[in-house]
Amino acid sequence: MTTQTAAGDRPRTEEAAAVTSGGGAANLFSYLALGCLFGIVLIKSEVVSWFRIQEMFRFESSHVYGIIMSAIAIAALSIVLLERAVAGTWLYGYMRPHLPHY
């Protein structure tokens, strides 16, 4: 069974509507807490330090370059695992109603 979206431009299935409507304030709070934790990690590892950024652009240290390369490697590995795992099919099922060709 399909329903119209709030804008009325494209139909959505009941399953997609159920997935997108959940959450609430508790879900937003968990994202806020995770963002604060990530910010603390960046500050403690001196990634956002002007001294470290200056060293990076002068090619005096590889501290920030190492963090950037590890982030790229983790992102690539995560994409590969998501494509192979069951979460990849869930992600596609969640995103399918939002894609322009749907």
C-alpha atoms as a PDB file:
ATOM      1  CA  MET A   1       0.000   0.000   0.000  1.00  0.00           C
ATOM      2  CA  THR A   2       1.362   3.427  -0.877  1.00  0.00           C
ATOM      3  CA  THR A   3       0.716   6.825   0.648  1.00  0.00           C
ATOM      4  CA  GLN A   4       1.528  10.346  -0.463  1.00  0.00           C
ATOM      5  CA  THR A   5       4.411  12.228   1.115  1.00  0.00           C
ATOM      6  CA  ALA A   6       3.983  15.535   2.892  1.00  0.00           C
ATOM      7  CA  ALA A   7       4.831  17.386  -0.309  1.00  0.00           C
ATOM      8  CA  GLY A   8       2.554  15.075  -2.305  1.00  0.00           C
ATOM      9  CA  ASP A   9       5.103  14.635  -5.056  1.00  0.00           C
ATOM     10  CA  ARG A  10       6.016  10.947  -4.802  1.00  0.00           C
ATOM     11  CA  PRO A  11       4.346   7.921  -3.236  1.00  0.00           C
ATOM     12  CA  ARG A  12       6.001   6.060  -0.343  1.00  0.00           C
ATOM     13  CA  THR A  13       5.461   2.579   0.923  1.00  0.00           C
ATOM     14  CA  GLU A  14       4.220   1.967   4.463  1.00  0.00           C
ATOM     15  CA  GLU A  15       7.553   0.379   5.426  1.00  0.00           C
ATOM     16  CA  ALA A  16       9.546   3.420   4.335  1.00  0.00           C
ATOM     17  CA  ALA A  17       7.158   5.725   6.173  1.00  0.00           C
ATOM     18  CA  ALA A  18       7.573   3.660   9.353  1.00  0.00           C
ATOM     19  CA  VAL A  19      11.375   3.791   9.125  1.00  0.00           C
ATOM     20  CA  THR A  20      11.569   7.547   8.551  1.00  0.00           C
ATOM     21  CA  SER A  21       8.996   8.562  11.168  1.00  0.00           C
ATOM     22  CA  GLY A  22      10.698   6.910  14.180  1.00  0.00           C
ATOM     23  CA  GLY A  23      13.157   8.536  16.522  1.00  0.00           C
ATOM     24  CA  GLY A  24      12.176  11.646  18.344  1.00  0.00           C
ATOM     25  CA  ALA A  25      14.098  13.626  20.915  1.00  0.00           C
ATOM     26  CA  ALA A  26      15.965  10.606  22.278  1.00  0.00           C
ATOM     27  CA  ASN A  27      17.376   9.868  18.836  1.00  0.00           C
ATOM     28  CA  LEU A  28      18.456  13.492  18.388  1.00  0.00           C
ATOM     29  CA  PHE A  29      20.077  13.489  21.829  1.00  0.00           C
ATOM     30  CA  SER A  30      22.124  10.412  20.935  1.00  0.00           C
ATOM     31  CA  TYR A  31      23.392  12.162  17.789  1.00  0.00           C
ATOM     32  CA  LEU A  32      24.269  15.239  19.847  1.00  0.00           C
ATOM     33  CA  ALA A  33      26.135  13.128  22.408  1.00  0.00           C
ATOM     34  CA  LEU A  34      28.010  11.267  19.674  1.00  0.00           C
ATOM     35  CA  GLY A  35      28.949  14.568  17.995  1.00  0.00           C
ATOM     36  CA  CYS A  36      30.233  16.000  21.275  1.00  0.00           C
ATOM     37  CA  LEU A  37      32.279  12.870  21.902  1.00  0.00           C
ATOM     38  CA  PHE A  38      33.740  13.086  18.388  1.00  0.00           C
ATOM     39  CA  GLY A  39      34.608  16.755  18.968  1.00  0.00           C
ATOM     40  CA  ILE A  40      36.387  15.922  22.218  1.00  0.00           C
ATOM     41  CA  VAL A  41      38.405  13.220  20.448  1.00  0.00           C
ATOM     42  CA  LEU A  42      39.422  15.708  17.731  1.00  0.00           C
ATOM     43  CA  ILE A  43      40.472  18.304  20.300  1.00  0.00           C
ATOM     44  CA  LYS A  44      42.422  15.834  22.455  1.00  0.00           C
ATOM     45  CA  SER A  45      44.279  14.430  19.437  1.00  0.00           C
ATOM     46  CA  GLU A  46      45.183  18.009  18.401  1.00  0.00           C
ATOM     47  CA  VAL A  47      43.710  17.653  14.922  1.00  0.00           C
ATOM     48  CA  VAL A  48      42.054  21.066  15.214  1.00  0.00           C
ATOM     49  CA  SER A  49      45.182  22.737  16.602  1.00  0.00           C
ATOM     50  CA  TRP A  50      46.496  25.618  14.493  1.00  0.00           C
ATOM     51  CA  PHE A  51      50.018  24.390  15.168  1.00  0.00           C
ATOM     52  CA  ARG A  52      49.239  20.933  13.715  1.00  0.00           C
ATOM     53  CA  ILE A  53      47.515  22.437  10.680  1.00  0.00           C
ATOM     54  CA  GLN A  54      50.480  24.757  10.071  1.00  0.00           C
ATOM     55  CA  GLU A  55      52.848  21.787  10.341  1.00  0.00           C
ATOM     56  CA  MET A  56      50.748  19.896   7.822  1.00  0.00           C
ATOM     57  CA  PHE A  57      50.856  22.658   5.208  1.00  0.00           C
ATOM     58  CA  ARG A  58      54.598  23.135   5.715  1.00  0.00           C
ATOM     59  CA  PHE A  59      55.133  19.349   5.360  1.00  0.00           C
ATOM     60  CA  GLU A  60      56.933  19.276   8.709  1.00  0.00           C
ATOM     61  CA  SER A  61      54.746  16.580  10.267  1.00  0.00           C
ATOM     62  CA  SER A  62      52.542  13.770   9.046  1.00  0.00           C
ATOM     63  CA  HIS A  63      50.213  13.761  12.074  1.00  0.00           C
ATOM     64  CA  VAL A  64      47.178  15.238  10.309  1.00  0.00           C
ATOM     65  CA  TYR A  65      47.930  13.396   7.053  1.00  0.00           C
ATOM     66  CA  GLY A  66      47.906  10.128   8.987  1.00  0.00           C
ATOM     67  CA  ILE A  67      44.502  10.932  10.451  1.00  0.00           C
ATOM     68  CA  ILE A  68      43.118  11.867   7.021  1.00  0.00           C
ATOM     69  CA  MET A  69      44.468   8.675   5.433  1.00  0.00           C
ATOM     70  CA  SER A  70      43.093   6.500   8.228  1.00  0.00           C
ATOM     71  CA  ALA A  71      39.682   8.172   7.833  1.00  0.00           C
ATOM     72  CA  ILE A  72      39.713   7.432   4.086  1.00  0.00           C
ATOM     73  CA  ALA A  73      40.702   3.813   4.709  1.00  0.00           C
ATOM     74  CA  ILE A  74      37.977   3.325   7.343  1.00  0.00           C
ATOM     75  CA  ALA A  75      35.364   4.937   5.079  1.00  0.00           C
ATOM     76  CA  ALA A  76      36.328   2.699   2.138  1.00  0.00           C
ATOM     77  CA  LEU A  77      36.214  -0.408   4.330  1.00  0.00           C
ATOM     78  CA  SER A  78      32.840   0.629   5.747  1.00  0.00           C
ATOM     79  CA  ILE A  79      31.382   1.090   2.265  1.00  0.00           C
ATOM     80  CA  VAL A  80      32.611  -2.333   1.170  1.00  0.00           C
ATOM     81  CA  LEU A  81      31.191  -3.984   4.287  1.00  0.00           C
ATOM     82  CA  LEU A  82      27.855  -2.192   3.908  1.00  0.00           C
ATOM     83  CA  GLU A  83      27.569  -3.292   0.292  1.00  0.00           C
ATOM     84  CA  ARG A  84      28.235  -6.935   1.213  1.00  0.00           C
ATOM     85  CA  ALA A  85      26.251  -7.120   4.436  1.00  0.00           C
ATOM     86  CA  VAL A  86      22.548  -7.279   5.092  1.00  0.00           C
ATOM     87  CA  ALA A  87      22.708  -3.657   6.194  1.00  0.00           C
ATOM     88  CA  GLY A  88      23.390  -2.752   2.576  1.00  0.00           C
ATOM     89  CA  THR A  89      20.041  -4.155   1.474  1.00  0.00           C
ATOM     90  CA  TRP A  90      18.317  -2.401   4.393  1.00  0.00           C
ATOM     91  CA  LEU A  91      20.040   0.845   3.462  1.00  0.00           C
ATOM     92  CA  TYR A  92      18.936   0.521  -0.151  1.00  0.00           C
ATOM     93  CA  GLY A  93      15.402  -0.314   0.963  1.00  0.00           C
ATOM     94  CA  TYR A  94      15.406   2.771   3.158  1.00  0.00           C
ATOM     95  CA  MET A  95      16.852   5.061   0.487  1.00  0.00           C
ATOM     96  CA  ARG A  96      14.887   3.708  -2.475  1.00  0.00           C
ATOM     97  CA  PRO A  97      11.789   5.919  -1.984  1.00  0.00           C
ATOM     98  CA  HIS A  98      14.044   8.971  -1.718  1.00  0.00           C
ATOM     99  CA  LEU A  99      15.999   8.335  -4.928  1.00  0.00           C
ATOM    100  CA  PRO A 100      15.132  10.500  -7.953  1.00  0.00           C
ATOM    101  CA  HIS A 101      14.466   7.563 -10.307  1.00  0.00           C
ATOM    102  CA  TYR A 102      11.879   5.959  -8.015  1.00  0.00           C
END
